[in-house]
Amino acid sequence: MRKTEPTKTEYPASDPPISRRDRFLTRLWFILMLLPLFAGMMLELFLNPPSEGITVTGAQVYFTVSLPFPDLPAPIRDLPVTESQVNSALVLLFLLFFCLFLTQGMRTRGKSARQVLAEFIVEKVEGFVSGTMGDGYGGFPPFVCAILMLSAFSSLLSLLGLYAPTSDINVVGGWAILVFIMITHYKLKAGFGSYVKGFLEPIPVLAPFNVLSEFSTPISMAFRHYGNVMSGGVIATLVYAGLAALSTAVFGWLPGFLGDIPFFQIGIPAVLSVYFDLFSGCLQAFIFAMLTMLYISLAAPEKESA
């Protein structure tokens, strides 16, 4: 009787060629990824009036939506739509199409640079979460990655001359409130009695201080992020104005148009922008994500968060 040899599964040497559909969608996502940034610059150009000299102001109010409830209290009667809200929505659209661009047409062999970058981001964020929170928090990397990218790219909008949403306490405060809700949710999962008992430890007389400490968490997170980003923008603006005055004082004696050229504003503001806009913005995003993971890991046991 002839013995039959076991069949071997043959794998293709490479994936099929990239289809026209994948190429079309890749180009489409790339174009749609850039459109929100272009729209933000057009809004900045046409809706923000030019100012004389150096000014430090908050987010401009584009328009106000009047609510059809005249009996409501004054602070919530109208709904202003500000520059920070619009720019936050543009960042969300940018990140949506950026993710679609990175993950379009993924392959097992012959990976594109986009796929390599996407896999690198996923691996680093998963390692970041597991190294900070532990191995039992496998469901948190998408949330942490969303916070990191949203905060970082919101701060980086200033490189395009747009108002950074992280310079608005209302935006960063909303993120902190969301984190606070998640912290409270995981504490309540251990039981309402256990949650209340935590305020009475180590001794009941410290309960008022424990309550204050609980509600100070989102406040400290919001003001830490907002204060560092906003102060960096103010310092950069003041230095820029000082360099203009210094250029006039040093080179104002030059004849003709040469005396009007702000020589000290060439190059130096770019170096400051690298720190305040690029490094500091990404650093604050990292700190905010780190605090989010620490607070949640202290509130949620690993078995409840996996």
C-alpha atoms as a PDB file:
ATOM      1  CA  MET A   1       0.000   0.000   0.000  1.00  0.00           C
ATOM      2  CA  ARG A   2       1.440   3.345  -1.073  1.00  0.00           C
ATOM      3  CA  LYS A   3       1.993   5.849   1.670  1.00  0.00           C
ATOM      4  CA  THR A   4       0.615   9.297   1.098  1.00  0.00           C
ATOM      5  CA  GLU A   5       2.816  12.146   2.098  1.00  0.00           C
ATOM      6  CA  PRO A   6       1.215  14.920   4.138  1.00  0.00           C
ATOM      7  CA  THR A   7       0.317  17.905   2.064  1.00  0.00           C
ATOM      8  CA  LYS A   8       2.247  21.073   2.706  1.00  0.00           C
ATOM      9  CA  THR A   9       0.537  24.398   2.859  1.00  0.00           C
ATOM     10  CA  GLU A  10       2.154  26.782   0.422  1.00  0.00           C
ATOM     11  CA  TYR A  11       2.098  30.483   1.147  1.00  0.00           C
ATOM     12  CA  PRO A  12       2.513  33.050  -1.554  1.00  0.00           C
ATOM     13  CA  ALA A  13       5.886  34.775  -1.690  1.00  0.00           C
ATOM     14  CA  SER A  14       4.187  38.138  -1.499  1.00  0.00           C
ATOM     15  CA  ASP A  15       0.741  39.656  -1.235  1.00  0.00           C
ATOM     16  CA  PRO A  16      -1.232  40.431  -4.377  1.00  0.00           C
ATOM     17  CA  PRO A  17      -0.402  43.734  -6.055  1.00  0.00           C
ATOM     18  CA  ILE A  18      -2.025  46.817  -4.619  1.00  0.00           C
ATOM     19  CA  SER A  19      -5.402  47.296  -6.236  1.00  0.00           C
ATOM     20  CA  ARG A  20      -6.577  50.488  -7.872  1.00  0.00           C
ATOM     21  CA  ARG A  21      -9.204  50.822  -5.154  1.00  0.00           C
ATOM     22  CA  ASP A  22      -6.552  50.838  -2.407  1.00  0.00           C
ATOM     23  CA  ARG A  23      -4.469  53.377  -4.298  1.00  0.00           C
ATOM     24  CA  PHE A  24      -7.491  55.602  -4.842  1.00  0.00           C
ATOM     25  CA  LEU A  25      -8.550  55.413  -1.180  1.00  0.00           C
ATOM     26  CA  THR A  26      -4.989  56.083  -0.005  1.00  0.00           C
ATOM     27  CA  ARG A  27      -4.835  59.275  -2.065  1.00  0.00           C
ATOM     28  CA  LEU A  28      -8.359  60.217  -0.961  1.00  0.00           C
ATOM     29  CA  TRP A  29      -7.578  59.840   2.757  1.00  0.00           C
ATOM     30  CA  PHE A  30      -4.386  61.851   2.306  1.00  0.00           C
ATOM     31  CA  ILE A  31      -6.239  64.718   0.639  1.00  0.00           C
ATOM     32  CA  LEU A  32      -9.029  64.636   3.223  1.00  0.00           C
ATOM     33  CA  MET A  33      -6.379  64.587   5.955  1.00  0.00           C
ATOM     34  CA  LEU A  34      -4.961  67.902   4.733  1.00  0.00           C
ATOM     35  CA  LEU A  35      -8.320  69.579   4.112  1.00  0.00           C
ATOM     36  CA  PRO A  36      -9.076  70.344   7.812  1.00  0.00           C
ATOM     37  CA  LEU A  37      -5.702  72.069   8.179  1.00  0.00           C
ATOM     38  CA  PHE A  38      -6.307  74.089   5.018  1.00  0.00           C
ATOM     39  CA  ALA A  39      -9.802  74.987   6.224  1.00  0.00           C
ATOM     40  CA  GLY A  40      -8.399  76.152   9.560  1.00  0.00           C
ATOM     41  CA  MET A  41      -5.876  78.422   7.854  1.00  0.00           C
ATOM     42  CA  MET A  42      -8.607  79.882   5.630  1.00  0.00           C
ATOM     43  CA  LEU A  43     -10.786  80.582   8.664  1.00  0.00           C
ATOM     44  CA  GLU A  44      -7.842  82.240  10.373  1.00  0.00           C
ATOM     45  CA  LEU A  45      -7.211  84.373   7.316  1.00  0.00           C
ATOM     46  CA  PHE A  46     -10.771  85.549   6.678  1.00  0.00           C
ATOM     47  CA  LEU A  47     -12.414  85.573  10.127  1.00  0.00           C
ATOM     48  CA  ASN A  48      -9.638  86.846  12.381  1.00  0.00           C
ATOM     49  CA  PRO A  49      -9.159  90.578  11.855  1.00  0.00           C
ATOM     50  CA  PRO A  50      -5.542  91.801  11.606  1.00  0.00           C
ATOM     51  CA  SER A  51      -4.228  93.420  14.764  1.00  0.00           C
ATOM     52  CA  GLU A  52      -1.715  96.181  15.201  1.00  0.00           C
ATOM     53  CA  GLY A  53       1.336  95.251  17.191  1.00  0.00           C
ATOM     54  CA  ILE A  54       1.593  92.251  19.511  1.00  0.00           C
ATOM     55  CA  THR A  55      -1.577  91.090  21.248  1.00  0.00           C
ATOM     56  CA  VAL A  56      -2.295  88.154  23.563  1.00  0.00           C
ATOM     57  CA  THR A  57      -5.970  87.244  23.501  1.00  0.00           C
ATOM     58  CA  GLY A  58      -8.137  84.205  24.014  1.00  0.00           C
ATOM     59  CA  ALA A  59     -10.075  82.252  21.417  1.00  0.00           C
ATOM     60  CA  GLN A  60     -12.157  84.388  19.101  1.00  0.00           C
ATOM     61  CA  VAL A  61     -15.926  83.873  19.157  1.00  0.00           C
ATOM     62  CA  TYR A  62     -16.974  83.097  15.584  1.00  0.00           C
ATOM     63  CA  PHE A  63     -20.701  83.246  16.223  1.00  0.00           C
ATOM     64  CA  THR A  64     -23.252  82.669  18.982  1.00  0.00           C
ATOM     65  CA  VAL A  65     -26.174  80.251  18.882  1.00  0.00           C
ATOM     66  CA  SER A  66     -29.163  81.646  20.784  1.00  0.00           C
ATOM     67  CA  LEU A  67     -31.080  78.905  22.560  1.00  0.00           C
ATOM     68  CA  PRO A  68     -34.897  79.079  22.385  1.00  0.00           C
ATOM     69  CA  PHE A  69     -35.223  79.011  26.180  1.00  0.00           C
ATOM     70  CA  PRO A  70     -35.368  82.593  27.501  1.00  0.00           C
ATOM     71  CA  ASP A  71     -36.021  81.453  31.076  1.00  0.00           C
ATOM     72  CA  LEU A  72     -32.632  79.779  31.453  1.00  0.00           C
ATOM     73  CA  PRO A  73     -29.969  81.437  33.621  1.00  0.00           C
ATOM     74  CA  ALA A  74     -27.723  83.931  31.853  1.00  0.00           C
ATOM     75  CA  PRO A  75     -24.501  81.836  31.768  1.00  0.00           C
ATOM     76  CA  ILE A  76     -26.148  79.076  29.715  1.00  0.00           C
ATOM     77  CA  ARG A  77     -28.608  81.120  27.711  1.00  0.00           C
ATOM     78  CA  ASP A  78     -26.421  81.435  24.603  1.00  0.00           C
ATOM     79  CA  LEU A  79     -23.973  78.987  23.036  1.00  0.00           C
ATOM     80  CA  PRO A  80     -20.841  80.700  21.695  1.00  0.00           C
ATOM     81  CA  VAL A  81     -18.895  78.828  19.023  1.00  0.00           C
ATOM     82  CA  THR A  82     -15.266  79.764  19.511  1.00  0.00           C
ATOM     83  CA  GLU A  83     -12.048  79.336  17.611  1.00  0.00           C
ATOM     84  CA  SER A  84     -10.867  76.632  20.010  1.00  0.00           C
ATOM     85  CA  GLN A  85     -14.004  74.524  19.437  1.00  0.00           C
ATOM     86  CA  VAL A  86     -13.701  74.787  15.660  1.00  0.00           C
ATOM     87  CA  ASN A  87      -9.993  73.964  15.717  1.00  0.00           C
ATOM     88  CA  SER A  88     -10.646  70.987  18.025  1.00  0.00           C
ATOM     89  CA  ALA A  89     -13.141  69.624  15.489  1.00  0.00           C
ATOM     90  CA  LEU A  90     -10.589  70.148  12.705  1.00  0.00           C
ATOM     91  CA  VAL A  91      -7.971  68.200  14.691  1.00  0.00           C
ATOM     92  CA  LEU A  92     -10.448  65.338  15.188  1.00  0.00           C
ATOM     93  CA  LEU A  93     -11.145  65.223  11.448  1.00  0.00           C
ATOM     94  CA  PHE A  94      -7.422  65.310  10.726  1.00  0.00           C
ATOM     95  CA  LEU A  95      -6.773  62.396  13.082  1.00  0.00           C
ATOM     96  CA  LEU A  96      -9.670  60.398  11.623  1.00  0.00           C
ATOM     97  CA  PHE A  97      -8.373  60.624   8.068  1.00  0.00           C
ATOM     98  CA  PHE A  98      -4.780  60.217   9.281  1.00  0.00           C
ATOM     99  CA  CYS A  99      -5.685  56.838  10.831  1.00  0.00           C
ATOM    100  CA  LEU A 100      -7.542  55.797   7.680  1.00  0.00           C
ATOM    101  CA  PHE A 101      -4.518  56.839   5.604  1.00  0.00           C
ATOM    102  CA  LEU A 102      -2.111  54.787   7.728  1.00  0.00           C
ATOM    103  CA  THR A 103      -4.252  51.637   7.782  1.00  0.00           C
ATOM    104  CA  GLN A 104      -5.493  51.560   4.183  1.00  0.00           C
ATOM    105  CA  GLY A 105      -4.423  48.452   2.250  1.00  0.00           C
ATOM    106  CA  MET A 106      -2.530  46.704   5.055  1.00  0.00           C
ATOM    107  CA  ARG A 107      -0.499  43.665   3.979  1.00  0.00           C
ATOM    108  CA  THR A 108       1.360  40.761   5.564  1.00  0.00           C
ATOM    109  CA  ARG A 109       4.383  41.069   3.263  1.00  0.00           C
ATOM    110  CA  GLY A 110       5.876  43.962   1.429  1.00  0.00           C
ATOM    111  CA  LYS A 111       4.631  46.430   3.996  1.00  0.00           C
ATOM    112  CA  SER A 112       4.449  50.082   3.072  1.00  0.00           C
ATOM    113  CA  ALA A 113       6.009  52.857   5.118  1.00  0.00           C
ATOM    114  CA  ARG A 114       2.498  53.828   6.250  1.00  0.00           C
ATOM    115  CA  GLN A 115       1.833  50.385   7.677  1.00  0.00           C
ATOM    116  CA  VAL A 116       5.235  50.264   9.369  1.00  0.00           C
ATOM    117  CA  LEU A 117       4.476  53.609  11.034  1.00  0.00           C
ATOM    118  CA  ALA A 118       1.018  52.418  12.113  1.00  0.00           C
ATOM    119  CA  GLU A 119       2.423  49.220  13.637  1.00  0.00           C
ATOM    120  CA  PHE A 120       5.177  51.214  15.351  1.00  0.00           C
ATOM    121  CA  ILE A 121       2.609  53.536  16.972  1.00  0.00           C
ATOM    122  CA  VAL A 122       0.474  50.613  18.164  1.00  0.00           C
ATOM    123  CA  GLU A 123       3.428  48.715  19.615  1.00  0.00           C
ATOM    124  CA  LYS A 124       4.843  51.758  21.407  1.00  0.00           C
ATOM    125  CA  VAL A 125       1.495  52.780  22.908  1.00  0.00           C
ATOM    126  CA  GLU A 126       0.758  49.227  24.074  1.00  0.00           C
ATOM    127  CA  GLY A 127       4.196  49.017  25.668  1.00  0.00           C
ATOM    128  CA  PHE A 128       3.707  52.463  27.209  1.00  0.00           C
ATOM    129  CA  VAL A 129       0.381  51.449  28.773  1.00  0.00           C
ATOM    130  CA  SER A 130       1.539  48.038  29.986  1.00  0.00           C
ATOM    131  CA  GLY A 131       4.727  49.525  31.438  1.00  0.00           C
ATOM    132  CA  THR A 132       2.804  52.219  33.316  1.00  0.00           C
ATOM    133  CA  MET A 133      -0.462  50.540  34.299  1.00  0.00           C
ATOM    134  CA  GLY A 134       0.421  46.836  34.217  1.00  0.00           C
ATOM    135  CA  ASP A 135      -0.440  43.877  32.016  1.00  0.00           C
ATOM    136  CA  GLY A 136      -4.111  43.750  33.008  1.00  0.00           C
ATOM    137  CA  TYR A 137      -5.140  46.959  31.256  1.00  0.00           C
ATOM    138  CA  GLY A 138      -5.232  45.748  27.662  1.00  0.00           C
ATOM    139  CA  GLY A 139      -8.312  47.804  26.788  1.00  0.00           C
ATOM    140  CA  PHE A 140      -6.745  51.206  27.466  1.00  0.00           C
ATOM    141  CA  PRO A 141      -4.154  51.697  24.667  1.00  0.00           C
ATOM    142  CA  PRO A 142      -6.720  53.124  22.177  1.00  0.00           C
ATOM    143  CA  PHE A 143      -7.963  55.632  24.746  1.00  0.00           C
ATOM    144  CA  VAL A 144      -4.460  56.663  25.793  1.00  0.00           C
ATOM    145  CA  CYS A 145      -3.348  56.953  22.168  1.00  0.00           C
ATOM    146  CA  ALA A 146      -6.375  59.149  21.411  1.00  0.00           C
ATOM    147  CA  ILE A 147      -5.515  61.478  24.312  1.00  0.00           C
ATOM    148  CA  LEU A 148      -1.855  61.658  23.270  1.00  0.00           C
ATOM    149  CA  MET A 149      -2.554  62.438  19.628  1.00  0.00           C
ATOM    150  CA  LEU A 150      -5.426  64.831  20.296  1.00  0.00           C
ATOM    151  CA  SER A 151      -3.418  66.837  22.809  1.00  0.00           C
ATOM    152  CA  ALA A 152      -0.189  66.831  20.802  1.00  0.00           C
ATOM    153  CA  PHE A 153      -1.735  67.805  17.469  1.00  0.00           C
ATOM    154  CA  SER A 154      -3.926  70.434  19.139  1.00  0.00           C
ATOM    155  CA  SER A 155      -0.780  72.105  20.480  1.00  0.00           C
ATOM    156  CA  LEU A 156       1.046  71.721  17.155  1.00  0.00           C
ATOM    157  CA  LEU A 157      -1.629  73.797  15.398  1.00  0.00           C
ATOM    158  CA  SER A 158       0.278  76.877  16.551  1.00  0.00           C
ATOM    159  CA  LEU A 159       3.031  75.931  14.066  1.00  0.00           C
ATOM    160  CA  LEU A 160       0.519  76.736  11.310  1.00  0.00           C
ATOM    161  CA  GLY A 161      -0.401  80.051  12.883  1.00  0.00           C
ATOM    162  CA  LEU A 162      -3.686  78.693  14.265  1.00  0.00           C
ATOM    163  CA  TYR A 163      -5.044  79.033  17.777  1.00  0.00           C
ATOM    164  CA  ALA A 164      -4.101  75.935  19.798  1.00  0.00           C
ATOM    165  CA  PRO A 165      -7.169  74.414  21.534  1.00  0.00           C
ATOM    166  CA  THR A 166      -4.917  73.415  24.429  1.00  0.00           C
ATOM    167  CA  SER A 167      -4.564  77.156  25.162  1.00  0.00           C
ATOM    168  CA  ASP A 168      -8.256  77.178  26.148  1.00  0.00           C
ATOM    169  CA  ILE A 169      -9.060  76.005  29.668  1.00  0.00           C
ATOM    170  CA  ASN A 170     -12.545  74.940  28.528  1.00  0.00           C
ATOM    171  CA  VAL A 171     -11.140  72.368  26.100  1.00  0.00           C
ATOM    172  CA  VAL A 172      -8.552  70.892  28.444  1.00  0.00           C
ATOM    173  CA  GLY A 173     -11.060  71.027  31.302  1.00  0.00           C
ATOM    174  CA  GLY A 174     -13.444  68.886  29.261  1.00  0.00           C
ATOM    175  CA  TRP A 175     -10.747  66.254  28.813  1.00  0.00           C
ATOM    176  CA  ALA A 176     -10.003  66.305  32.558  1.00  0.00           C
ATOM    177  CA  ILE A 177     -13.702  65.903  33.410  1.00  0.00           C
ATOM    178  CA  LEU A 178     -13.878  62.882  31.079  1.00  0.00           C
ATOM    179  CA  VAL A 179     -10.915  61.305  32.876  1.00  0.00           C
ATOM    180  CA  PHE A 180     -12.507  62.098  36.247  1.00  0.00           C
ATOM    181  CA  ILE A 181     -15.720  60.329  35.177  1.00  0.00           C
ATOM    182  CA  MET A 182     -13.700  57.252  34.202  1.00  0.00           C
ATOM    183  CA  ILE A 183     -11.871  57.291  37.543  1.00  0.00           C
ATOM    184  CA  THR A 184     -15.150  57.526  39.469  1.00  0.00           C
ATOM    185  CA  HIS A 185     -16.676  54.771  37.307  1.00  0.00           C
ATOM    186  CA  TYR A 186     -13.948  52.284  38.162  1.00  0.00           C
ATOM    187  CA  LYS A 187     -14.052  53.207  41.844  1.00  0.00           C
ATOM    188  CA  LEU A 188     -17.799  52.599  41.923  1.00  0.00           C
ATOM    189  CA  LYS A 189     -17.345  49.206  40.248  1.00  0.00           C
ATOM    190  CA  ALA A 190     -15.779  48.026  43.496  1.00  0.00           C
ATOM    191  CA  GLY A 191     -19.030  48.908  45.274  1.00  0.00           C
ATOM    192  CA  PHE A 192     -20.645  52.103  46.508  1.00  0.00           C
ATOM    193  CA  GLY A 193     -19.820  51.238  50.116  1.00  0.00           C
ATOM    194  CA  SER A 194     -16.165  50.772  49.287  1.00  0.00           C
ATOM    195  CA  TYR A 195     -16.191  54.096  47.407  1.00  0.00           C
ATOM    196  CA  VAL A 196     -17.618  55.967  50.401  1.00  0.00           C
ATOM    197  CA  LYS A 197     -15.306  54.132  52.787  1.00  0.00           C
ATOM    198  CA  GLY A 198     -12.310  55.458  50.848  1.00  0.00           C
ATOM    199  CA  PHE A 199     -13.156  58.993  51.970  1.00  0.00           C
ATOM    200  CA  LEU A 200     -13.008  57.928  55.633  1.00  0.00           C
ATOM    201  CA  GLU A 201      -9.475  56.532  55.481  1.00  0.00           C
ATOM    202  CA  PRO A 202      -7.157  56.580  57.289  1.00  0.00           C
ATOM    203  CA  ILE A 203      -9.348  58.343  59.885  1.00  0.00           C
ATOM    204  CA  PRO A 204     -12.886  59.749  59.466  1.00  0.00           C
ATOM    205  CA  VAL A 205     -11.847  63.259  60.495  1.00  0.00           C
ATOM    206  CA  LEU A 206      -9.927  63.556  57.196  1.00  0.00           C
ATOM    207  CA  ALA A 207     -13.061  62.964  55.110  1.00  0.00           C
ATOM    208  CA  PRO A 208     -13.451  66.656  54.043  1.00  0.00           C
ATOM    209  CA  PHE A 209      -9.847  66.731  52.851  1.00  0.00           C
ATOM    210  CA  ASN A 210     -10.306  63.464  50.954  1.00  0.00           C
ATOM    211  CA  VAL A 211     -13.375  64.897  49.205  1.00  0.00           C
ATOM    212  CA  LEU A 212     -11.412  68.014  48.234  1.00  0.00           C
ATOM    213  CA  SER A 213      -8.578  65.836  47.002  1.00  0.00           C
ATOM    214  CA  GLU A 214     -11.008  63.838  44.873  1.00  0.00           C
ATOM    215  CA  PHE A 215     -12.420  66.883  43.104  1.00  0.00           C
ATOM    216  CA  SER A 216      -9.045  68.564  42.791  1.00  0.00           C
ATOM    217  CA  THR A 217      -7.872  65.828  40.408  1.00  0.00           C
ATOM    218  CA  PRO A 218      -9.543  67.176  37.229  1.00  0.00           C
ATOM    219  CA  ILE A 219      -8.795  70.773  38.260  1.00  0.00           C
ATOM    220  CA  SER A 220      -5.075  70.121  38.679  1.00  0.00           C
ATOM    221  CA  MET A 221      -4.867  68.123  35.433  1.00  0.00           C
ATOM    222  CA  ALA A 222      -6.635  70.845  33.449  1.00  0.00           C
ATOM    223  CA  PHE A 223      -4.724  73.815  34.841  1.00  0.00           C
ATOM    224  CA  ARG A 224      -1.358  72.042  34.590  1.00  0.00           C
ATOM    225  CA  HIS A 225      -1.856  71.342  30.891  1.00  0.00           C
ATOM    226  CA  TYR A 226      -3.470  74.684  30.092  1.00  0.00           C
ATOM    227  CA  GLY A 227      -1.007  76.734  32.125  1.00  0.00           C
ATOM    228  CA  ASN A 228       2.098  75.252  30.518  1.00  0.00           C
ATOM    229  CA  VAL A 229       0.826  75.578  26.943  1.00  0.00           C
ATOM    230  CA  MET A 230      -0.635  79.054  27.419  1.00  0.00           C
ATOM    231  CA  SER A 231       2.409  80.386  29.257  1.00  0.00           C
ATOM    232  CA  GLY A 232       4.669  79.124  26.478  1.00  0.00           C
ATOM    233  CA  GLY A 233       2.643  81.017  23.888  1.00  0.00           C
ATOM    234  CA  VAL A 234       2.697  84.212  25.973  1.00  0.00           C
ATOM    235  CA  ILE A 235       6.458  83.990  26.545  1.00  0.00           C
ATOM    236  CA  ALA A 236       7.122  83.396  22.843  1.00  0.00           C
ATOM    237  CA  THR A 237       4.940  86.390  21.922  1.00  0.00           C
ATOM    238  CA  LEU A 238       6.673  88.683  24.399  1.00  0.00           C
ATOM    239  CA  VAL A 239      10.116  87.587  23.236  1.00  0.00           C
ATOM    240  CA  TYR A 240       9.057  88.169  19.625  1.00  0.00           C
ATOM    241  CA  ALA A 241       7.950  91.719  20.488  1.00  0.00           C
ATOM    242  CA  GLY A 242      11.171  92.329  22.426  1.00  0.00           C
ATOM    243  CA  LEU A 243      13.287  91.202  19.470  1.00  0.00           C
ATOM    244  CA  ALA A 244      11.452  93.682  17.228  1.00  0.00           C
ATOM    245  CA  ALA A 245      12.211  96.512  19.631  1.00  0.00           C
ATOM    246  CA  LEU A 246      15.835  95.379  19.943  1.00  0.00           C
ATOM    247  CA  SER A 247      16.225  95.315  16.154  1.00  0.00           C
ATOM    248  CA  THR A 248      14.913  98.869  15.915  1.00  0.00           C
ATOM    249  CA  ALA A 249      17.251 100.075  18.666  1.00  0.00           C
ATOM    250  CA  VAL A 250      20.364  98.419  17.223  1.00  0.00           C
ATOM    251  CA  PHE A 251      19.830  98.712  13.461  1.00  0.00           C
ATOM    252  CA  GLY A 252      17.410 101.633  13.254  1.00  0.00           C
ATOM    253  CA  TRP A 253      20.249 103.953  12.198  1.00  0.00           C
ATOM    254  CA  LEU A 254      20.752 102.082   8.913  1.00  0.00           C
ATOM    255  CA  PRO A 255      19.658 104.113   5.876  1.00  0.00           C
ATOM    256  CA  GLY A 256      16.459 103.389   3.932  1.00  0.00           C
ATOM    257  CA  PHE A 257      14.571 100.151   4.282  1.00  0.00           C
ATOM    258  CA  LEU A 258      17.506  98.455   6.014  1.00  0.00           C
ATOM    259  CA  GLY A 259      16.579 100.191   9.265  1.00  0.00           C
ATOM    260  CA  ASP A 260      13.078  98.655   9.123  1.00  0.00           C
ATOM    261  CA  ILE A 261      14.259  95.046   8.777  1.00  0.00           C
ATOM    262  CA  PRO A 262      13.790  93.140  12.090  1.00  0.00           C
ATOM    263  CA  PHE A 263      17.115  91.296  11.947  1.00  0.00           C
ATOM    264  CA  PHE A 264      16.764  89.780  15.415  1.00  0.00           C
ATOM    265  CA  GLN A 265      13.402  88.271  14.463  1.00  0.00           C
ATOM    266  CA  ILE A 266      15.077  86.121  11.805  1.00  0.00           C
ATOM    267  CA  GLY A 267      15.788  82.614  13.099  1.00  0.00           C
ATOM    268  CA  ILE A 268      15.488  83.207  16.838  1.00  0.00           C
ATOM    269  CA  PRO A 269      11.654  82.905  16.978  1.00  0.00           C
ATOM    270  CA  ALA A 270      11.942  79.649  15.030  1.00  0.00           C
ATOM    271  CA  VAL A 271      14.194  78.207  17.743  1.00  0.00           C
ATOM    272  CA  LEU A 272      11.729  79.296  20.421  1.00  0.00           C
ATOM    273  CA  SER A 273       8.891  77.740  18.426  1.00  0.00           C
ATOM    274  CA  VAL A 274      10.702  74.399  18.366  1.00  0.00           C
ATOM    275  CA  TYR A 275      10.669  74.388  22.176  1.00  0.00           C
ATOM    276  CA  PHE A 276       7.344  76.031  23.085  1.00  0.00           C
ATOM    277  CA  ASP A 277       5.241  74.638  20.227  1.00  0.00           C
ATOM    278  CA  LEU A 278       6.877  71.319  19.405  1.00  0.00           C
ATOM    279  CA  PHE A 279       8.725  70.020  22.458  1.00  0.00           C
ATOM    280  CA  SER A 280       6.580  71.575  25.191  1.00  0.00           C
ATOM    281  CA  GLY A 281       3.295  70.690  23.449  1.00  0.00           C
ATOM    282  CA  CYS A 282       4.280  67.041  23.047  1.00  0.00           C
ATOM    283  CA  LEU A 283       5.668  66.943  26.583  1.00  0.00           C
ATOM    284  CA  GLN A 284       2.389  68.208  28.060  1.00  0.00           C
ATOM    285  CA  ALA A 285       0.464  65.628  26.035  1.00  0.00           C
ATOM    286  CA  PHE A 286       2.737  62.914  27.452  1.00  0.00           C
ATOM    287  CA  ILE A 287       2.260  64.196  31.023  1.00  0.00           C
ATOM    288  CA  PHE A 288      -1.521  64.383  30.653  1.00  0.00           C
ATOM    289  CA  ALA A 289      -1.658  60.815  29.320  1.00  0.00           C
ATOM    290  CA  MET A 290       0.677  59.616  32.079  1.00  0.00           C
ATOM    291  CA  LEU A 291      -1.478  61.169  34.809  1.00  0.00           C
ATOM    292  CA  THR A 292      -4.579  59.668  33.197  1.00  0.00           C
ATOM    293  CA  MET A 293      -3.072  56.190  33.337  1.00  0.00           C
ATOM    294  CA  LEU A 294      -1.837  56.600  36.898  1.00  0.00           C
ATOM    295  CA  TYR A 295      -5.175  57.835  38.254  1.00  0.00           C
ATOM    296  CA  ILE A 296      -7.164  55.136  36.442  1.00  0.00           C
ATOM    297  CA  SER A 297      -4.776  52.340  37.455  1.00  0.00           C
ATOM    298  CA  LEU A 298      -5.105  53.410  41.099  1.00  0.00           C
ATOM    299  CA  ALA A 299      -8.886  53.379  40.819  1.00  0.00           C
ATOM    300  CA  ALA A 300      -9.419  50.214  38.754  1.00  0.00           C
ATOM    301  CA  PRO A 301      -8.188  46.765  39.769  1.00  0.00           C
ATOM    302  CA  GLU A 302      -6.607  44.872  36.879  1.00  0.00           C
ATOM    303  CA  LYS A 303      -9.258  42.181  36.821  1.00  0.00           C
ATOM    304  CA  GLU A 304     -11.929  44.822  36.311  1.00  0.00           C
ATOM    305  CA  SER A 305     -10.141  46.704  33.539  1.00  0.00           C
ATOM    306  CA  ALA A 306      -8.954  43.904  31.266  1.00  0.00           C
END
